[in-house]
PDB file of N, CA and C in Angstrom:
ATOM      1  N   UNK A   1      -9.269 -14.856  50.547  1.00  0.00           N
ATOM      2  CA  UNK A   1      -8.645 -13.788  49.790  1.00  0.00           C
ATOM      3  C   UNK A   1      -9.413 -12.465  49.961  1.00  0.00           C
ATOM      4  N   UNK A   2     -10.730 -12.545  49.914  1.00  0.00           N
ATOM      5  CA  UNK A   2     -11.543 -11.341  50.081  1.00  0.00           C
ATOM      6  C   UNK A   2     -11.361 -10.741  51.473  1.00  0.00           C
ATOM      7  N   UNK A   3     -11.286 -11.611  52.494  1.00  0.00           N
ATOM      8  CA  UNK A   3     -11.097 -11.122  53.859  1.00  0.00           C
ATOM      9  C   UNK A   3      -9.758 -10.393  54.003  1.00  0.00           C
ATOM     10  N   UNK A   4      -8.728 -10.924  53.376  1.00  0.00           N
ATOM     11  CA  UNK A   4      -7.403 -10.290  53.428  1.00  0.00           C
ATOM     12  C   UNK A   4      -7.459  -8.930  52.740  1.00  0.00           C
ATOM     13  N   UNK A   5      -8.115  -8.867  51.593  1.00  0.00           N
ATOM     14  CA  UNK A   5      -8.245  -7.609  50.850  1.00  0.00           C
ATOM     15  C   UNK A   5      -9.014  -6.573  51.667  1.00  0.00           C
ATOM     16  N   UNK A   6     -10.107  -6.974  52.277  1.00  0.00           N
ATOM     17  CA  UNK A   6     -10.904  -6.045  53.088  1.00  0.00           C
ATOM     18  C   UNK A   6     -10.133  -5.585  54.328  1.00  0.00           C
ATOM     19  N   UNK A   7      -9.374  -6.484  54.932  1.00  0.00           N
ATOM     20  CA  UNK A   7      -8.535  -6.114  56.077  1.00  0.00           C
ATOM     21  C   UNK A   7      -7.475  -5.101  55.651  1.00  0.00           C
ATOM     22  N   UNK A   8      -6.864  -5.357  54.493  1.00  0.00           N
ATOM     23  CA  UNK A   8      -5.881  -4.421  53.947  1.00  0.00           C
ATOM     24  C   UNK A   8      -6.506  -3.040  53.749  1.00  0.00           C
ATOM     25  N   UNK A   9      -7.678  -3.003  53.127  1.00  0.00           N
ATOM     26  CA  UNK A   9      -8.345  -1.720  52.884  1.00  0.00           C
ATOM     27  C   UNK A   9      -8.680  -1.006  54.192  1.00  0.00           C
ATOM     28  N   UNK A  10      -9.130  -1.755  55.190  1.00  0.00           N
ATOM     29  CA  UNK A  10      -9.449  -1.150  56.485  1.00  0.00           C
ATOM     30  C   UNK A  10      -8.198  -0.534  57.105  1.00  0.00           C
ATOM     31  N   UNK A  11      -7.096  -1.252  57.055  1.00  0.00           N
ATOM     32  CA  UNK A  11      -5.856  -0.757  57.662  1.00  0.00           C
ATOM     33  C   UNK A  11      -5.313   0.450  56.916  1.00  0.00           C
ATOM     34  N   UNK A  12      -5.256   0.377  55.586  1.00  0.00           N
ATOM     35  CA  UNK A  12      -4.689   1.483  54.818  1.00  0.00           C
ATOM     36  C   UNK A  12      -5.577   2.731  54.910  1.00  0.00           C
ATOM     37  N   UNK A  13      -6.885   2.563  55.031  1.00  0.00           N
ATOM     38  CA  UNK A  13      -7.760   3.722  55.182  1.00  0.00           C
ATOM     39  C   UNK A  13      -7.656   4.318  56.581  1.00  0.00           C
ATOM     40  N   UNK A  14      -7.463   3.492  57.589  1.00  0.00           N
ATOM     41  CA  UNK A  14      -7.206   4.003  58.935  1.00  0.00           C
ATOM     42  C   UNK A  14      -5.902   4.796  58.953  1.00  0.00           C
ATOM     43  N   UNK A  15      -4.883   4.267  58.283  1.00  0.00           N
ATOM     44  CA  UNK A  15      -3.611   4.985  58.179  1.00  0.00           C
ATOM     45  C   UNK A  15      -3.817   6.320  57.468  1.00  0.00           C
ATOM     46  N   UNK A  16      -4.578   6.321  56.379  1.00  0.00           N
ATOM     47  CA  UNK A  16      -4.852   7.564  55.652  1.00  0.00           C
ATOM     48  C   UNK A  16      -5.532   8.594  56.530  1.00  0.00           C
ATOM     49  N   UNK A  17      -6.506   8.161  57.304  1.00  0.00           N
ATOM     50  CA  UNK A  17      -7.212   9.061  58.217  1.00  0.00           C
ATOM     51  C   UNK A  17      -6.255   9.611  59.282  1.00  0.00           C
ATOM     52  N   UNK A  18      -5.462   8.730  59.877  1.00  0.00           N
ATOM     53  CA  UNK A  18      -4.536   9.155  60.932  1.00  0.00           C
ATOM     54  C   UNK A  18      -3.436  10.070  60.402  1.00  0.00           C
ATOM     55  N   UNK A  19      -2.978   9.813  59.200  1.00  0.00           N
ATOM     56  CA  UNK A  19      -1.936  10.654  58.604  1.00  0.00           C
ATOM     57  C   UNK A  19      -2.462  12.065  58.369  1.00  0.00           C
ATOM     58  N   UNK A  20      -3.716  12.189  57.972  1.00  0.00           N
ATOM     59  CA  UNK A  20      -4.291  13.527  57.811  1.00  0.00           C
ATOM     60  C   UNK A  20      -4.365  14.244  59.156  1.00  0.00           C
ATOM     61  N   UNK A  21      -4.720  13.521  60.207  1.00  0.00           N
ATOM     62  CA  UNK A  21      -4.753  14.105  61.550  1.00  0.00           C
ATOM     63  C   UNK A  21      -3.360  14.557  61.979  1.00  0.00           C
ATOM     64  N   UNK A  22      -2.379  13.693  61.795  1.00  0.00           N
ATOM     65  CA  UNK A  22      -1.005  14.015  62.199  1.00  0.00           C
ATOM     66  C   UNK A  22      -0.491  15.219  61.428  1.00  0.00           C
ATOM     67  N   UNK A  23      -0.721  15.249  60.109  1.00  0.00           N
ATOM     68  CA  UNK A  23      -0.240  16.368  59.307  1.00  0.00           C
ATOM     69  C   UNK A  23      -0.931  17.665  59.696  1.00  0.00           C
ATOM     70  N   UNK A  24      -2.210  17.609  60.007  1.00  0.00           N
ATOM     71  CA  UNK A  24      -2.940  18.805  60.453  1.00  0.00           C
ATOM     72  C   UNK A  24      -2.360  19.320  61.769  1.00  0.00           C
ATOM     73  N   UNK A  25      -2.092  18.417  62.696  1.00  0.00           N
ATOM     74  CA  UNK A  25      -1.507  18.827  63.982  1.00  0.00           C
ATOM     75  C   UNK A  25      -0.129  19.445  63.783  1.00  0.00           C
ATOM     76  N   UNK A  26       0.657  18.863  62.907  1.00  0.00           N
ATOM     77  CA  UNK A  26       1.980  19.415  62.631  1.00  0.00           C
ATOM     78  C   UNK A  26       1.880  20.783  61.969  1.00  0.00           C
ATOM     79  N   UNK A  27       0.880  20.965  61.122  1.00  0.00           N
ATOM     80  CA  UNK A  27       0.678  22.265  60.478  1.00  0.00           C
ATOM     81  C   UNK A  27       0.310  23.322  61.523  1.00  0.00           C
ATOM     82  N   UNK A  28      -0.559  22.954  62.445  1.00  0.00           N
ATOM     83  CA  UNK A  28      -0.980  23.894  63.490  1.00  0.00           C
ATOM     84  C   UNK A  28       0.211  24.327  64.335  1.00  0.00           C
ATOM     85  N   UNK A  29       1.101  23.372  64.641  1.00  0.00           N
ATOM     86  CA  UNK A  29       2.243  23.655  65.519  1.00  0.00           C
ATOM     87  C   UNK A  29       3.502  24.053  64.757  1.00  0.00           C
ATOM     88  N   UNK A  30       3.348  24.280  63.449  1.00  0.00           N
ATOM     89  CA  UNK A  30       4.453  24.706  62.586  1.00  0.00           C
ATOM     90  C   UNK A  30       5.658  23.772  62.695  1.00  0.00           C
ATOM     91  N   UNK A  31       5.366  22.485  62.670  1.00  0.00           N
ATOM     92  CA  UNK A  31       6.397  21.457  62.726  1.00  0.00           C
ATOM     93  C   UNK A  31       6.623  20.868  61.340  1.00  0.00           C
ATOM     94  N   UNK A  32       7.603  19.956  61.248  1.00  0.00           N
ATOM     95  CA  UNK A  32       7.887  19.260  60.009  1.00  0.00           C
ATOM     96  C   UNK A  32       6.632  18.543  59.535  1.00  0.00           C
ATOM     97  N   UNK A  33       6.342  18.673  58.248  1.00  0.00           N
ATOM     98  CA  UNK A  33       5.098  18.132  57.682  1.00  0.00           C
ATOM     99  C   UNK A  33       5.348  16.863  56.896  1.00  0.00           C
ATOM    100  N   UNK A  34       4.298  16.113  56.729  1.00  0.00           N
ATOM    101  CA  UNK A  34       4.330  14.925  55.886  1.00  0.00           C
ATOM    102  C   UNK A  34       4.269  15.400  54.430  1.00  0.00           C
ATOM    103  N   UNK A  35       5.188  14.940  53.590  1.00  0.00           N
ATOM    104  CA  UNK A  35       5.188  15.401  52.190  1.00  0.00           C
ATOM    105  C   UNK A  35       3.871  15.080  51.482  1.00  0.00           C
ATOM    106  N   UNK A  36       3.443  16.012  50.617  1.00  0.00           N
ATOM    107  CA  UNK A  36       2.202  15.812  49.865  1.00  0.00           C
ATOM    108  C   UNK A  36       2.267  14.547  49.021  1.00  0.00           C
ATOM    109  N   UNK A  37       3.425  14.244  48.505  1.00  0.00           N
ATOM    110  CA  UNK A  37       3.588  13.031  47.696  1.00  0.00           C
ATOM    111  C   UNK A  37       3.234  11.785  48.519  1.00  0.00           C
ATOM    112  N   UNK A  38       3.634  11.776  49.784  1.00  0.00           N
ATOM    113  CA  UNK A  38       3.314  10.652  50.667  1.00  0.00           C
ATOM    114  C   UNK A  38       1.809  10.555  50.866  1.00  0.00           C
ATOM    115  N   UNK A  39       1.159  11.687  51.073  1.00  0.00           N
ATOM    116  CA  UNK A  39      -0.296  11.697  51.267  1.00  0.00           C
ATOM    117  C   UNK A  39      -1.011  11.151  50.027  1.00  0.00           C
ATOM    118  N   UNK A  40      -0.590  11.594  48.857  1.00  0.00           N
ATOM    119  CA  UNK A  40      -1.199  11.121  47.607  1.00  0.00           C
ATOM    120  C   UNK A  40      -0.920   9.630  47.422  1.00  0.00           C
ATOM    121  N   UNK A  41       0.292   9.199  47.747  1.00  0.00           N
ATOM    122  CA  UNK A  41       0.623   7.777  47.599  1.00  0.00           C
ATOM    123  C   UNK A  41      -0.227   6.894  48.510  1.00  0.00           C
ATOM    124  N   UNK A  42      -0.559   7.369  49.691  1.00  0.00           N
ATOM    125  CA  UNK A  42      -1.442   6.603  50.572  1.00  0.00           C
ATOM    126  C   UNK A  42      -2.807   6.428  49.901  1.00  0.00           C
ATOM    127  N   UNK A  43      -3.275   7.470  49.234  1.00  0.00           N
ATOM    128  CA  UNK A  43      -4.540   7.351  48.491  1.00  0.00           C
ATOM    129  C   UNK A  43      -4.414   6.330  47.375  1.00  0.00           C
ATOM    130  N   UNK A  44      -3.308   6.368  46.664  1.00  0.00           N
ATOM    131  CA  UNK A  44      -3.112   5.474  45.524  1.00  0.00           C
ATOM    132  C   UNK A  44      -3.089   4.011  45.953  1.00  0.00           C
ATOM    133  N   UNK A  45      -2.509   3.731  47.113  1.00  0.00           N
ATOM    134  CA  UNK A  45      -2.417   2.327  47.529  1.00  0.00           C
ATOM    135  C   UNK A  45      -3.693   1.832  48.207  1.00  0.00           C
ATOM    136  N   UNK A  46      -4.740   2.656  48.194  1.00  0.00           N
ATOM    137  CA  UNK A  46      -6.037   2.199  48.689  1.00  0.00           C
ATOM    138  C   UNK A  46      -6.617   2.994  49.836  1.00  0.00           C
ATOM    139  N   UNK A  47      -5.923   4.028  50.285  1.00  0.00           N
ATOM    140  CA  UNK A  47      -6.390   4.783  51.439  1.00  0.00           C
ATOM    141  C   UNK A  47      -7.190   6.031  51.119  1.00  0.00           C
ATOM    142  N   UNK A  48      -7.752   6.094  49.930  1.00  0.00           N
ATOM    143  CA  UNK A  48      -8.441   7.315  49.507  1.00  0.00           C
ATOM    144  C   UNK A  48      -9.689   7.623  50.326  1.00  0.00           C
ATOM    145  N   UNK A  49     -10.420   6.616  50.772  1.00  0.00           N
ATOM    146  CA  UNK A  49     -11.616   6.878  51.587  1.00  0.00           C
ATOM    147  C   UNK A  49     -11.205   7.471  52.931  1.00  0.00           C
ATOM    148  N   UNK A  50     -10.202   6.891  53.559  1.00  0.00           N
ATOM    149  CA  UNK A  50      -9.703   7.425  54.825  1.00  0.00           C
ATOM    150  C   UNK A  50      -9.160   8.833  54.681  1.00  0.00           C
ATOM    151  N   UNK A  51      -8.486   9.083  53.566  1.00  0.00           N
ATOM    152  CA  UNK A  51      -7.952  10.424  53.319  1.00  0.00           C
ATOM    153  C   UNK A  51      -9.093  11.437  53.155  1.00  0.00           C
ATOM    154  N   UNK A  52     -10.122  11.066  52.413  1.00  0.00           N
ATOM    155  CA  UNK A  52     -11.263  11.973  52.221  1.00  0.00           C
ATOM    156  C   UNK A  52     -11.977  12.253  53.543  1.00  0.00           C
ATOM    157  N   UNK A  53     -12.164  11.225  54.334  1.00  0.00           N
ATOM    158  CA  UNK A  53     -12.812  11.426  55.636  1.00  0.00           C
ATOM    159  C   UNK A  53     -11.924  12.304  56.527  1.00  0.00           C
ATOM    160  N   UNK A  54     -10.617  12.065  56.485  1.00  0.00           N
ATOM    161  CA  UNK A  54      -9.687  12.894  57.254  1.00  0.00           C
ATOM    162  C   UNK A  54      -9.673  14.338  56.795  1.00  0.00           C
ATOM    163  N   UNK A  55      -9.705  14.540  55.476  1.00  0.00           N
ATOM    164  CA  UNK A  55      -9.748  15.908  54.943  1.00  0.00           C
ATOM    165  C   UNK A  55     -10.982  16.632  55.447  1.00  0.00           C
ATOM    166  N   UNK A  56     -12.107  15.962  55.427  1.00  0.00           N
ATOM    167  CA  UNK A  56     -13.362  16.562  55.855  1.00  0.00           C
ATOM    168  C   UNK A  56     -13.405  16.779  57.370  1.00  0.00           C
ATOM    169  N   UNK A  57     -13.004  15.772  58.115  1.00  0.00           N
ATOM    170  CA  UNK A  57     -13.060  15.840  59.574  1.00  0.00           C
ATOM    171  C   UNK A  57     -12.152  16.927  60.132  1.00  0.00           C
ATOM    172  N   UNK A  58     -10.925  16.985  59.617  1.00  0.00           N
ATOM    173  CA  UNK A  58      -9.926  17.914  60.168  1.00  0.00           C
ATOM    174  C   UNK A  58      -9.799  19.187  59.355  1.00  0.00           C
ATOM    175  N   UNK A  59     -10.619  19.324  58.315  1.00  0.00           N
ATOM    176  CA  UNK A  59     -10.554  20.472  57.404  1.00  0.00           C
ATOM    177  C   UNK A  59      -9.105  20.729  56.989  1.00  0.00           C
ATOM    178  N   UNK A  60      -8.510  19.673  56.462  1.00  0.00           N
ATOM    179  CA  UNK A  60      -7.098  19.720  56.095  1.00  0.00           C
ATOM    180  C   UNK A  60      -6.942  19.436  54.609  1.00  0.00           C
ATOM    181  N   UNK A  61      -6.161  20.247  53.949  1.00  0.00           N
ATOM    182  CA  UNK A  61      -5.881  20.137  52.518  1.00  0.00           C
ATOM    183  C   UNK A  61      -7.120  20.395  51.667  1.00  0.00           C
ATOM    184  N   UNK A  62      -8.107  21.055  52.227  1.00  0.00           N
ATOM    185  CA  UNK A  62      -9.346  21.300  51.489  1.00  0.00           C
ATOM    186  C   UNK A  62      -9.246  22.491  50.544  1.00  0.00           C
ATOM    187  N   UNK A  63      -8.153  23.232  50.605  1.00  0.00           N
ATOM    188  CA  UNK A  63      -7.951  24.357  49.694  1.00  0.00           C
ATOM    189  C   UNK A  63      -6.986  23.996  48.564  1.00  0.00           C
ATOM    190  N   UNK A  64      -6.527  22.757  48.549  1.00  0.00           N
ATOM    191  CA  UNK A  64      -5.559  22.314  47.552  1.00  0.00           C
ATOM    192  C   UNK A  64      -6.253  21.443  46.514  1.00  0.00           C
ATOM    193  N   UNK A  65      -6.276  21.918  45.267  1.00  0.00           N
ATOM    194  CA  UNK A  65      -6.953  21.178  44.190  1.00  0.00           C
ATOM    195  C   UNK A  65      -6.353  19.787  44.009  1.00  0.00           C
ATOM    196  N   UNK A  66      -5.043  19.664  44.267  1.00  0.00           N
ATOM    197  CA  UNK A  66      -4.395  18.364  44.161  1.00  0.00           C
ATOM    198  C   UNK A  66      -5.109  17.337  45.036  1.00  0.00           C
ATOM    199  N   UNK A  67      -5.656  17.790  46.158  1.00  0.00           N
ATOM    200  CA  UNK A  67      -6.330  16.888  47.085  1.00  0.00           C
ATOM    201  C   UNK A  67      -7.839  16.877  46.874  1.00  0.00           C
ATOM    202  N   UNK A  68      -8.451  18.043  46.674  1.00  0.00           N
ATOM    203  CA  UNK A  68      -9.908  18.091  46.538  1.00  0.00           C
ATOM    204  C   UNK A  68     -10.378  17.452  45.237  1.00  0.00           C
ATOM    205  N   UNK A  69      -9.535  17.461  44.216  1.00  0.00           N
ATOM    206  CA  UNK A  69      -9.877  16.803  42.955  1.00  0.00           C
ATOM    207  C   UNK A  69      -9.146  15.473  42.801  1.00  0.00           C
ATOM    208  N   UNK A  70      -7.888  15.447  43.244  1.00  0.00           N
ATOM    209  CA  UNK A  70      -7.048  14.273  43.043  1.00  0.00           C
ATOM    210  C   UNK A  70      -7.484  13.048  43.825  1.00  0.00           C
ATOM    211  N   UNK A  71      -7.752  13.215  45.115  1.00  0.00           N
ATOM    212  CA  UNK A  71      -8.122  12.066  45.939  1.00  0.00           C
ATOM    213  C   UNK A  71      -9.463  11.468  45.488  1.00  0.00           C
ATOM    214  N   UNK A  72     -10.489  12.276  45.227  1.00  0.00           N
ATOM    215  CA  UNK A  72     -11.730  11.677  44.691  1.00  0.00           C
ATOM    216  C   UNK A  72     -11.514  10.999  43.329  1.00  0.00           C
ATOM    217  N   UNK A  73     -10.656  11.576  42.492  1.00  0.00           N
ATOM    218  CA  UNK A  73     -10.370  10.959  41.190  1.00  0.00           C
ATOM    219  C   UNK A  73      -9.697   9.601  41.375  1.00  0.00           C
ATOM    220  N   UNK A  74      -8.785   9.521  42.331  1.00  0.00           N
ATOM    221  CA  UNK A  74      -8.126   8.245  42.634  1.00  0.00           C
ATOM    222  C   UNK A  74      -9.167   7.233  43.101  1.00  0.00           C
ATOM    223  N   UNK A  75     -10.073   7.664  43.974  1.00  0.00           N
ATOM    224  CA  UNK A  75     -11.118   6.768  44.481  1.00  0.00           C
ATOM    225  C   UNK A  75     -12.008   6.251  43.353  1.00  0.00           C
ATOM    226  N   UNK A  76     -12.403   7.124  42.458  1.00  0.00           N
ATOM    227  CA  UNK A  76     -13.232   6.723  41.323  1.00  0.00           C
ATOM    228  C   UNK A  76     -12.483   5.713  40.449  1.00  0.00           C
ATOM    229  N   UNK A  77     -11.210   5.971  40.201  1.00  0.00           N
ATOM    230  CA  UNK A  77     -10.405   5.039  39.404  1.00  0.00           C
ATOM    231  C   UNK A  77     -10.302   3.684  40.098  1.00  0.00           C
ATOM    232  N   UNK A  78     -10.135   3.700  41.420  1.00  0.00           N
ATOM    233  CA  UNK A  78     -10.050   2.449  42.168  1.00  0.00           C
ATOM    234  C   UNK A  78     -11.357   1.664  42.073  1.00  0.00           C
ATOM    235  N   UNK A  79     -12.487   2.344  42.209  1.00  0.00           N
ATOM    236  CA  UNK A  79     -13.786   1.683  42.061  1.00  0.00           C
ATOM    237  C   UNK A  79     -13.945   1.100  40.659  1.00  0.00           C
ATOM    238  N   UNK A  80     -13.507   1.853  39.648  1.00  0.00           N
ATOM    239  CA  UNK A  80     -13.604   1.369  38.268  1.00  0.00           C
ATOM    240  C   UNK A  80     -12.764   0.109  38.072  1.00  0.00           C
ATOM    241  N   UNK A  81     -11.571   0.095  38.639  1.00  0.00           N
ATOM    242  CA  UNK A  81     -10.692  -1.073  38.523  1.00  0.00           C
ATOM    243  C   UNK A  81     -11.333  -2.278  39.215  1.00  0.00           C
ATOM    244  N   UNK A  82     -11.876  -2.063  40.403  1.00  0.00           N
ATOM    245  CA  UNK A  82     -12.519  -3.165  41.137  1.00  0.00           C
ATOM    246  C   UNK A  82     -13.706  -3.714  40.359  1.00  0.00           C
ATOM    247  N   UNK A  83     -14.528  -2.815  39.814  1.00  0.00           N
ATOM    248  CA  UNK A  83     -15.680  -3.260  39.016  1.00  0.00           C
ATOM    249  C   UNK A  83     -15.224  -4.057  37.792  1.00  0.00           C
ATOM    250  N   UNK A  84     -14.182  -3.566  37.148  1.00  0.00           N
ATOM    251  CA  UNK A  84     -13.647  -4.268  35.975  1.00  0.00           C
ATOM    252  C   UNK A  84     -13.190  -5.672  36.367  1.00  0.00           C
ATOM    253  N   UNK A  85     -12.466  -5.770  37.479  1.00  0.00           N
ATOM    254  CA  UNK A  85     -11.949  -7.069  37.912  1.00  0.00           C
ATOM    255  C   UNK A  85     -13.071  -8.012  38.333  1.00  0.00           C
ATOM    256  N   UNK A  86     -14.118  -7.462  38.935  1.00  0.00           N
ATOM    257  CA  UNK A  86     -15.243  -8.299  39.365  1.00  0.00           C
ATOM    258  C   UNK A  86     -16.021  -8.853  38.169  1.00  0.00           C
ATOM    259  N   UNK A  87     -16.071  -8.099  37.083  1.00  0.00           N
ATOM    260  CA  UNK A  87     -16.801  -8.546  35.903  1.00  0.00           C
ATOM    261  C   UNK A  87     -16.027  -9.580  35.109  1.00  0.00           C
ATOM    262  N   UNK A  88     -14.736  -9.664  35.347  1.00  0.00           N
ATOM    263  CA  UNK A  88     -13.900 -10.636  34.631  1.00  0.00           C
ATOM    264  C   UNK A  88     -14.192 -12.035  35.026  1.00  0.00           C
TER     265      UNK A  88
END
C-alpha cells in the first residue's frame, strides 16, 4: 500500500512539474493556457511539491498570490493530514 501511495505521489508531482512547464511555454507563445483551477487542483490531489518546483524552476505564477501562498498552504495541509493519519 505504501509503495502504491509513493508511486502515486511521484507521478502526480511529475505531472504538476510538467504542467507548469507546459503552461509557461504556452504563456510565452501567447497560446491557449491551462486554467488556474486545473493547476490548483493538481496541487490538491497531491502534486503540490511538483508545482512548487515547477514554479521556481520556470519562474511561472510567482507573481500570483493564489499560487505563492495557496500551493504552499495546500502542501502544509497535506503534511498535516498525513501526520494525523500516521498517528492514528
